[in-house]
Every structure is written in structure tokens, then in C-alpha cells.
Protein backbone atom coordinates (compact mmCIF):
# COMPACT_ATOMS: atom_id res chain seq x y z
CA MET A 1 -25.73 -29.86 -42.30
CA LYS A 2 -22.56 -29.34 -40.25
CA GLU A 3 -22.76 -26.81 -37.43
CA ILE A 4 -20.29 -23.93 -37.26
CA ASN A 5 -18.23 -23.72 -34.07
CA ILE A 6 -17.99 -19.96 -33.50
CA ASP A 7 -15.85 -20.50 -30.38
CA VAL A 8 -12.94 -21.58 -32.59
CA PHE A 9 -13.17 -18.26 -34.43
CA ILE A 10 -13.43 -16.15 -31.25
CA LYS A 11 -10.63 -18.03 -29.50
CA ARG A 12 -8.26 -17.49 -32.42
CA ARG A 13 -9.10 -13.77 -32.62
CA LYS A 14 -8.35 -13.36 -28.92
CA GLN A 15 -5.14 -15.39 -29.20
CA LEU A 16 -3.93 -12.88 -31.79
CA LYS A 17 -5.16 -9.99 -29.61
CA LEU A 18 -7.21 -8.59 -32.49
CA SER A 19 -10.19 -6.37 -31.73
CA GLN A 20 -13.36 -6.77 -33.75
CA VAL A 21 -12.66 -3.39 -35.35
CA LYS A 22 -9.15 -4.41 -36.42
CA LEU A 23 -10.23 -7.82 -37.70
CA CYS A 24 -13.08 -6.61 -39.89
CA GLU A 25 -11.19 -3.59 -41.29
CA GLY A 26 -11.56 -3.56 -45.08
CA ILE A 27 -13.69 -6.72 -45.04
CA CYS A 28 -17.04 -5.95 -43.42
CA THR A 29 -18.70 -3.77 -40.78
CA GLN A 30 -18.16 -4.39 -37.09
CA ALA A 31 -21.90 -4.96 -36.79
CA THR A 32 -21.65 -7.89 -39.21
CA LEU A 33 -18.81 -9.43 -37.22
CA SER A 34 -20.57 -8.79 -33.90
CA LYS A 35 -23.76 -10.48 -35.12
CA PHE A 36 -21.69 -13.50 -36.15
CA GLU A 37 -19.78 -13.81 -32.86
CA ASN A 38 -22.65 -12.94 -30.52
CA ASN A 39 -25.76 -14.17 -32.31
CA GLY A 40 -24.46 -16.83 -34.67
CA ARG A 41 -25.63 -14.96 -37.77
CA VAL A 42 -23.23 -16.26 -40.42
CA PRO A 43 -22.07 -13.66 -43.00
CA SER A 44 -21.59 -14.45 -46.69
CA LEU A 45 -19.01 -17.11 -47.52
CA SER A 46 -16.81 -14.48 -49.17
CA ILE A 47 -16.70 -12.36 -45.99
CA LEU A 48 -16.27 -15.37 -43.72
CA ASN A 49 -13.41 -16.66 -45.84
CA LYS A 50 -11.59 -13.31 -45.71
CA LEU A 51 -12.02 -13.08 -41.93
CA CYS A 52 -10.68 -16.62 -41.52
CA VAL A 53 -7.65 -15.90 -43.71
CA ARG A 54 -6.81 -12.89 -41.55
CA LEU A 55 -6.90 -15.18 -38.51
CA GLY A 56 -4.78 -17.85 -40.17
CA LEU A 57 -7.76 -20.20 -40.39
CA ILE A 58 -9.74 -21.77 -43.19
CA VAL A 59 -13.54 -21.91 -43.14
CA ASP A 60 -13.48 -25.69 -42.62
CA ASP A 61 -11.77 -25.12 -39.27
CA LEU A 62 -15.03 -23.65 -37.96
CA TYR A 63 -16.99 -26.85 -38.51
CA GLN A 64 -17.37 -29.31 -35.67
CA SER A 65 -16.29 -32.23 -37.86
CA SER A 66 -13.10 -30.60 -39.17
CA THR A 67 -10.20 -33.05 -39.09
CA ALA A 68 -7.50 -30.45 -39.73
CA ASN A 69 -8.33 -27.91 -37.07
CA THR A 70 -5.83 -25.09 -37.41
CA SER A 71 -6.34 -23.83 -33.86
CA ARG A 72 -5.48 -27.28 -32.52
CA LEU A 73 -2.42 -27.38 -34.76
CA HIS A 74 -1.27 -24.01 -33.42
CA ASP A 75 -1.44 -25.36 -29.86
CA LEU A 76 0.12 -28.71 -30.75
CA LEU A 77 3.09 -27.21 -32.60
CA ASP A 78 3.72 -24.52 -29.99
CA THR A 79 3.73 -27.18 -27.26
CA ALA A 80 6.12 -29.32 -29.32
CA GLU A 81 8.42 -26.33 -29.83
CA LYS A 82 8.64 -25.64 -26.10
CA LYS A 83 9.19 -29.33 -25.30
CA LEU A 84 11.98 -29.44 -27.88
CA MET A 85 13.72 -26.52 -26.19
CA MET A 86 13.57 -28.45 -22.91
CA GLU A 87 15.01 -31.57 -24.62
CA ASP A 88 11.90 -33.66 -24.01
CA TYR A 89 12.46 -35.46 -27.28
CA GLN A 90 10.10 -38.39 -26.67
CA GLU A 91 7.20 -36.00 -26.12
CA VAL A 92 8.10 -34.06 -29.27
CA ILE A 93 8.17 -37.30 -31.29
CA LYS A 94 4.72 -38.14 -29.91
CA LEU A 95 3.25 -34.69 -30.67
CA LEU A 96 4.65 -34.45 -34.19
CA GLY A 97 3.54 -38.02 -34.87
CA GLU A 98 -0.07 -36.86 -34.52
CA ILE A 99 0.31 -34.50 -37.49
CA ASP A 100 0.23 -35.24 -41.20
CA PRO A 101 2.08 -32.32 -42.84
CA GLU A 102 0.30 -32.97 -46.15
CA LYS A 103 -2.98 -31.99 -44.47
CA ILE A 104 -1.66 -28.67 -43.13
CA GLU A 105 -3.12 -25.99 -45.39
CA PHE A 106 -1.81 -22.91 -43.57
CA ALA A 107 1.77 -22.32 -44.80
CA PRO A 108 3.23 -20.84 -41.56
CA LEU A 109 2.14 -23.93 -39.63
CA LYS A 110 3.55 -26.26 -42.26
CA THR A 111 6.82 -24.33 -42.07
CA GLN A 112 6.85 -24.63 -38.28
CA PHE A 113 6.23 -28.38 -38.54
CA TYR A 114 9.15 -28.99 -40.92
CA TYR A 115 11.45 -26.81 -38.80
CA LEU A 116 10.58 -28.75 -35.65
CA ARG A 117 10.89 -32.18 -37.24
CA GLY A 118 14.13 -31.23 -38.96
CA LEU A 119 15.68 -29.87 -35.77
CA LEU A 120 14.45 -32.87 -33.77
CA ASN A 121 16.06 -35.21 -36.31
CA ALA A 122 19.32 -33.23 -36.18
CA LEU A 123 19.43 -33.28 -32.37
CA THR A 124 18.66 -37.00 -32.19
CA ASN A 125 21.28 -37.89 -34.82
CA GLN A 126 18.90 -39.17 -37.49
CA GLN A 127 19.96 -39.72 -41.09
CA PRO A 128 21.22 -36.54 -42.82
CA VAL A 129 18.89 -37.19 -45.76
CA ASP A 130 15.89 -36.95 -43.42
CA VAL A 131 17.18 -33.78 -41.75
CA LEU A 132 17.93 -32.06 -45.05
CA PHE A 133 14.61 -33.12 -46.58
CA ASP A 134 12.67 -31.25 -43.91
CA PHE A 135 14.84 -28.15 -44.15
CA SER A 136 14.63 -28.20 -47.95
CA GLN A 137 10.85 -27.89 -47.64
CA ILE A 138 11.51 -24.53 -45.97
CA LEU A 139 14.49 -23.27 -47.97
CA ASP A 140 13.29 -24.36 -51.42
CA ASP A 141 9.54 -23.90 -51.09
CA LEU A 142 7.82 -22.52 -47.99
CA ASP A 143 10.36 -19.72 -47.42
CA ASP A 144 12.13 -19.75 -50.77
CA GLU A 145 12.77 -15.99 -50.54
CA HIS A 146 14.53 -16.62 -47.19
CA SER A 147 12.63 -13.76 -45.60
CA THR A 148 11.49 -15.34 -42.31
CA ILE A 149 13.29 -16.59 -39.23
CA PHE A 150 12.52 -20.17 -40.30
CA THR A 151 15.31 -19.95 -42.87
CA GLN A 152 17.77 -19.18 -40.06
CA LEU A 153 16.34 -22.04 -37.99
CA ALA A 154 16.85 -24.37 -40.95
CA TYR A 155 20.45 -23.13 -41.12
CA VAL A 156 21.02 -23.81 -37.42
CA GLY A 157 19.61 -27.33 -37.75
CA SER A 158 21.86 -27.98 -40.75
CA GLY A 159 24.85 -26.63 -38.82
CA ILE A 160 24.09 -28.91 -35.87
CA MET A 161 23.83 -31.92 -38.16
CA TYR A 162 27.19 -31.24 -39.84
CA SER A 163 28.94 -30.46 -36.54
CA ARG A 164 27.81 -33.81 -35.13
CA LYS A 165 29.20 -35.47 -38.24
CA LYS A 166 32.44 -33.54 -37.56
CA GLN A 167 32.16 -31.84 -40.95
CA TYR A 168 33.16 -28.51 -39.48
CA ASP A 169 33.75 -26.69 -42.76
CA LYS A 170 30.11 -27.24 -43.67
CA ALA A 171 28.94 -26.45 -40.14
CA ASP A 172 30.93 -23.19 -40.24
CA PHE A 173 29.12 -22.21 -43.43
CA TYR A 174 25.75 -22.31 -41.69
CA PHE A 175 26.80 -20.91 -38.32
CA ASP A 176 28.52 -17.97 -40.04
CA LYS A 177 25.17 -17.12 -41.63
CA ILE A 178 23.47 -17.29 -38.25
CA CYS A 179 26.12 -15.09 -36.60
CA GLN A 180 25.48 -12.49 -39.28
CA PHE A 181 21.73 -12.71 -38.68
CA ILE A 182 22.16 -12.38 -34.89
CA GLU A 183 24.33 -9.30 -35.37
CA GLU A 184 21.68 -7.76 -37.64
CA TYR A 185 19.04 -8.63 -35.04
CA ARG A 186 21.04 -6.84 -32.33
CA GLN A 187 21.15 -3.73 -34.49
CA ASN A 188 17.52 -3.81 -35.56
CA SER A 189 15.12 -6.08 -33.66
CA ASN A 190 11.83 -6.38 -35.53
CA PRO A 191 9.60 -9.06 -33.98
CA ASP A 192 6.31 -10.25 -35.37
CA GLU A 193 3.88 -8.27 -33.22
CA GLU A 194 1.32 -11.08 -33.32
CA ASP A 195 3.73 -13.82 -32.23
CA LYS A 196 6.31 -12.19 -29.98
CA ASP A 197 6.75 -15.12 -27.58
CA ASN A 198 7.60 -17.57 -30.35
CA TYR A 199 9.79 -14.99 -32.10
CA TYR A 200 12.02 -14.50 -29.06
CA LEU A 201 12.04 -18.24 -28.37
CA ARG A 202 13.35 -18.77 -31.90
CA ILE A 203 15.95 -16.03 -31.56
CA LEU A 204 17.11 -17.78 -28.38
CA THR A 205 17.27 -21.06 -30.30
CA LEU A 206 19.70 -19.45 -32.75
CA ILE A 207 21.73 -17.85 -29.95
CA PHE A 208 22.00 -20.97 -27.78
CA PHE A 209 23.06 -23.42 -30.47
CA THR A 210 25.53 -20.94 -31.96
CA ALA A 211 27.01 -20.32 -28.51
CA GLU A 212 27.25 -24.07 -27.97
CA TYR A 213 28.98 -24.52 -31.33
CA HIS A 214 31.56 -21.82 -30.53
CA ALA A 215 32.25 -23.53 -27.20
CA GLN A 216 32.79 -26.87 -28.97
CA LYS A 217 35.48 -25.16 -31.04
CA ASP A 218 37.06 -23.58 -27.92
CA ASN A 219 36.00 -20.11 -29.06
CA PHE A 220 34.89 -19.17 -25.57
CA ARG A 221 34.92 -15.42 -26.07
CA ASP A 222 32.21 -15.51 -28.74
CA SER A 223 30.35 -18.25 -26.89
CA ASP A 224 30.31 -16.23 -23.65
CA ASN A 225 29.12 -13.11 -25.46
CA LEU A 226 26.21 -15.02 -26.99
CA VAL A 227 25.34 -16.60 -23.64
CA LYS A 228 25.16 -13.13 -22.07
CA LEU A 229 22.94 -11.92 -24.90
CA GLY A 230 20.67 -14.95 -24.47
CA ILE A 231 20.35 -14.47 -20.71
CA LYS A 232 19.57 -10.78 -21.28
CA LEU A 233 16.78 -11.67 -23.72
CA CYS A 234 15.35 -14.27 -21.31
CA SER A 235 15.17 -11.59 -18.63
CA GLU A 236 13.79 -8.81 -20.83
CA TYR A 237 11.07 -10.82 -22.54
CA HIS A 238 10.29 -13.42 -19.85
CA VAL A 239 11.03 -16.36 -22.13
CA THR A 240 12.69 -18.76 -19.71
CA TYR A 241 12.78 -22.11 -21.54
CA TYR A 242 16.44 -21.61 -22.51
CA LEU A 243 17.64 -20.09 -19.25
CA PRO A 244 18.74 -23.38 -17.59
CA ARG A 245 20.63 -24.46 -20.73
CA LEU A 246 22.29 -21.06 -21.13
CA LYS A 247 23.39 -21.09 -17.48
CA LEU A 248 24.69 -24.65 -17.86
CA LEU A 249 26.71 -23.62 -20.92
CA GLU A 250 28.03 -20.60 -19.02
CA THR A 251 29.13 -22.96 -16.23
CA GLN A 252 30.83 -25.35 -18.66
CA ASN A 253 32.63 -22.45 -20.34
CA ALA A 254 33.82 -21.10 -16.99
CA ILE A 255 35.30 -24.51 -16.11
CA SER A 256 37.01 -24.78 -19.50
CA GLU A 257 38.43 -21.27 -19.08
CA SER A 258 39.72 -22.11 -15.55
CA LYS A 259 37.80 -19.28 -13.95
CA PRO A 260 37.81 -18.88 -10.13
CA ARG A 261 36.22 -21.70 -8.15
CA ASP A 262 33.91 -19.30 -6.31
CA LEU A 263 32.48 -18.09 -9.62
CA ILE A 264 32.05 -21.65 -10.89
CA ALA A 265 30.26 -22.64 -7.67
CA GLN A 266 27.96 -19.65 -8.03
CA LEU A 267 27.17 -20.52 -11.64
CA MET A 268 26.41 -24.11 -10.65
CA SER A 269 23.99 -22.90 -7.97
CA GLU A 270 22.26 -20.58 -10.44
CA THR A 271 22.01 -23.33 -13.05
CA LEU A 272 20.44 -25.71 -10.53
CA ALA A 273 17.96 -23.06 -9.40
CA PHE A 274 16.84 -22.22 -12.93
CA GLY A 275 16.69 -25.90 -13.86
CA ARG A 276 14.31 -26.57 -10.97
CA ILE A 277 12.18 -23.50 -11.64
CA ASN A 278 11.74 -24.55 -15.27
CA ASN A 279 11.37 -28.23 -14.40
CA ASN A 280 14.27 -29.09 -16.69
CA GLN A 281 15.46 -32.41 -15.32
CA VAL A 282 17.87 -32.95 -18.20
CA VAL A 283 19.86 -29.89 -17.12
CA GLU A 284 19.79 -31.01 -13.48
CA VAL A 285 21.21 -34.44 -14.37
CA ARG A 286 23.93 -32.94 -16.58
CA LEU A 287 24.87 -30.42 -13.92
CA ALA A 288 25.22 -33.16 -11.30
CA ALA A 289 27.66 -35.04 -13.57
CA ILE A 290 29.65 -31.87 -14.34
CA LYS A 291 29.80 -30.93 -10.66
CA LYS A 292 31.01 -34.39 -9.61
CA LYS A 293 33.71 -34.41 -12.30
CA PHE A 294 34.82 -30.88 -11.39
CA GLU A 295 35.06 -31.69 -7.68
CA ASN A 296 37.02 -34.90 -8.33
CA GLU A 297 39.51 -33.01 -10.49
CA ASN A 298 39.93 -30.17 -8.00
CA LYS A 299 40.29 -31.91 -4.65
């Protein structure tokens, strides 16, 4: 008989910052839950199943031999998401390659997987059919009511793909939707209380790529406004993965807008500092190239 790994259950409850009282509300008594966590006394399968569902687990995840451990998937996908934001594409390919989406039973994790693979494919210029397949899993099935932020992330990935193909009319279609969503967010922020860090990271994903798209089209006013909003969110919610890239974009915009050299030098220094703090070597390399080009053109 397979042995239950109670630590998986406890770790997930603590990750979600759920008290025993909150978790067992409407399912069982706190005493029943306490006996399970502290003494290994397993409740009925019906109760255990309901508790697991509330934690985003399935009962099989609690067994030592489980091959589709949801807790591990949470960690794996969250790591991949942060690596993607730092442009460590090889590491993201490696992490996602360890996952078979057909074996993911928890819908939010399957949605996260398809978002990450779709965006990775868009950013690494893979075939449009592959990009759109992943996003269609979200838009046509997993979030077919378009009620979660993953729909907006699928839009941003689609917009990136079309912009890189220079199909700007189609890219505009998606980025216009995202601009509308960002404006609604500014008026009424409503994060998922159980997943605030990822929520703000995803909002920053929308903001950064939309700001970058506006800059590509020489719409620096809107791009600068979004950059400022992104930097403000990084500061307020201590989500720093995008800070080096936002500062780099702010620097590039300032150069394109022929702003004073002192300001550009200051922005370059800030970009370098944030790149080093966040260990974002991609930003450091890009900044060095931009700085050299700027200095050669302004001797």
C-alpha cells in the first residue's frame, strides 16, 4: 500500500497562507484536519478529496509514488515564468520540457503551462501555428469565458508574434485589447489574494510588452507612461524581475526622443545597477551596446 506524504499537503496549505480553520471550513472540523496533519490519521476519502481540491491538489499528489505532483508543478512553472521574464530562454525550454501538459490535471496549472510555452515560442520566433495552438488552448477551452488574466497574456503573446511578422494591423488588434485591460486595471485593481506575486508579475508582463510595442511604433508618449506605471508597480509590490528591462526601455526611449545627455547618462547608470542587482546579464549586454553606439554618435 502506498504511503501518504502529509508534508506535501502541509507545504501547499502554508504556501497559500491558509489556516487550518480556513481550510476545513464547510468540509470538516479543525480537529479532523489537525489529527491528519499532526498524527497522520487519514480522514475519509470524501473529506480528503475536498481538502485537496481547496488546495489545488488531487489526492494522488499526496502519495510518495505520484508522477504528476502538483506541488512540484507549481514550483517548476513559477520558476519557468520568472526565468522567462529575465530572458533566460534556454532554461525555460529545459523546464517546460520536463512537463507533459496532458498529465496536468489542475486547470490553472495547465493554463499557466500553455501561456508560458506560447509566449516563449512567440519571443523565440517559432512557427505561428505553434504559438497560436498554445494560446487557443487558453482562449477556446481553459479560459473560454475570458475571465482570467491568462486571456490577456494570450493576447500579448499573439500581439508579439504578429508584430515580429510585421503584421501591425493584427498586432494592433491585440495590443488595443491589452491597453483597455490595463486602463481598467488602473481604475480597479483586484488581485488574486492567494497569488499576488504572480498576479503583479503578469500585470507587469502586459505593461512591459505593450510599452515596448508602442516604442517600436514611435509612440513614445504612451510607451513612457506605461514604463512609469511599470516602475511604480515594481516599487510598490517588490516585484523586481522587470525593473532592469523597464529601465532599459526608458533609456532607449530617452535616446530616441533626444532627451538631455545628463538624463540619458543617469538612466544608463540606473539600468546597469538594476541589471546587476537582478542578475540580468542580457540587459547588461544590451545596455553596453546601446551606450557604445550612443557615445560614438555623440562625440
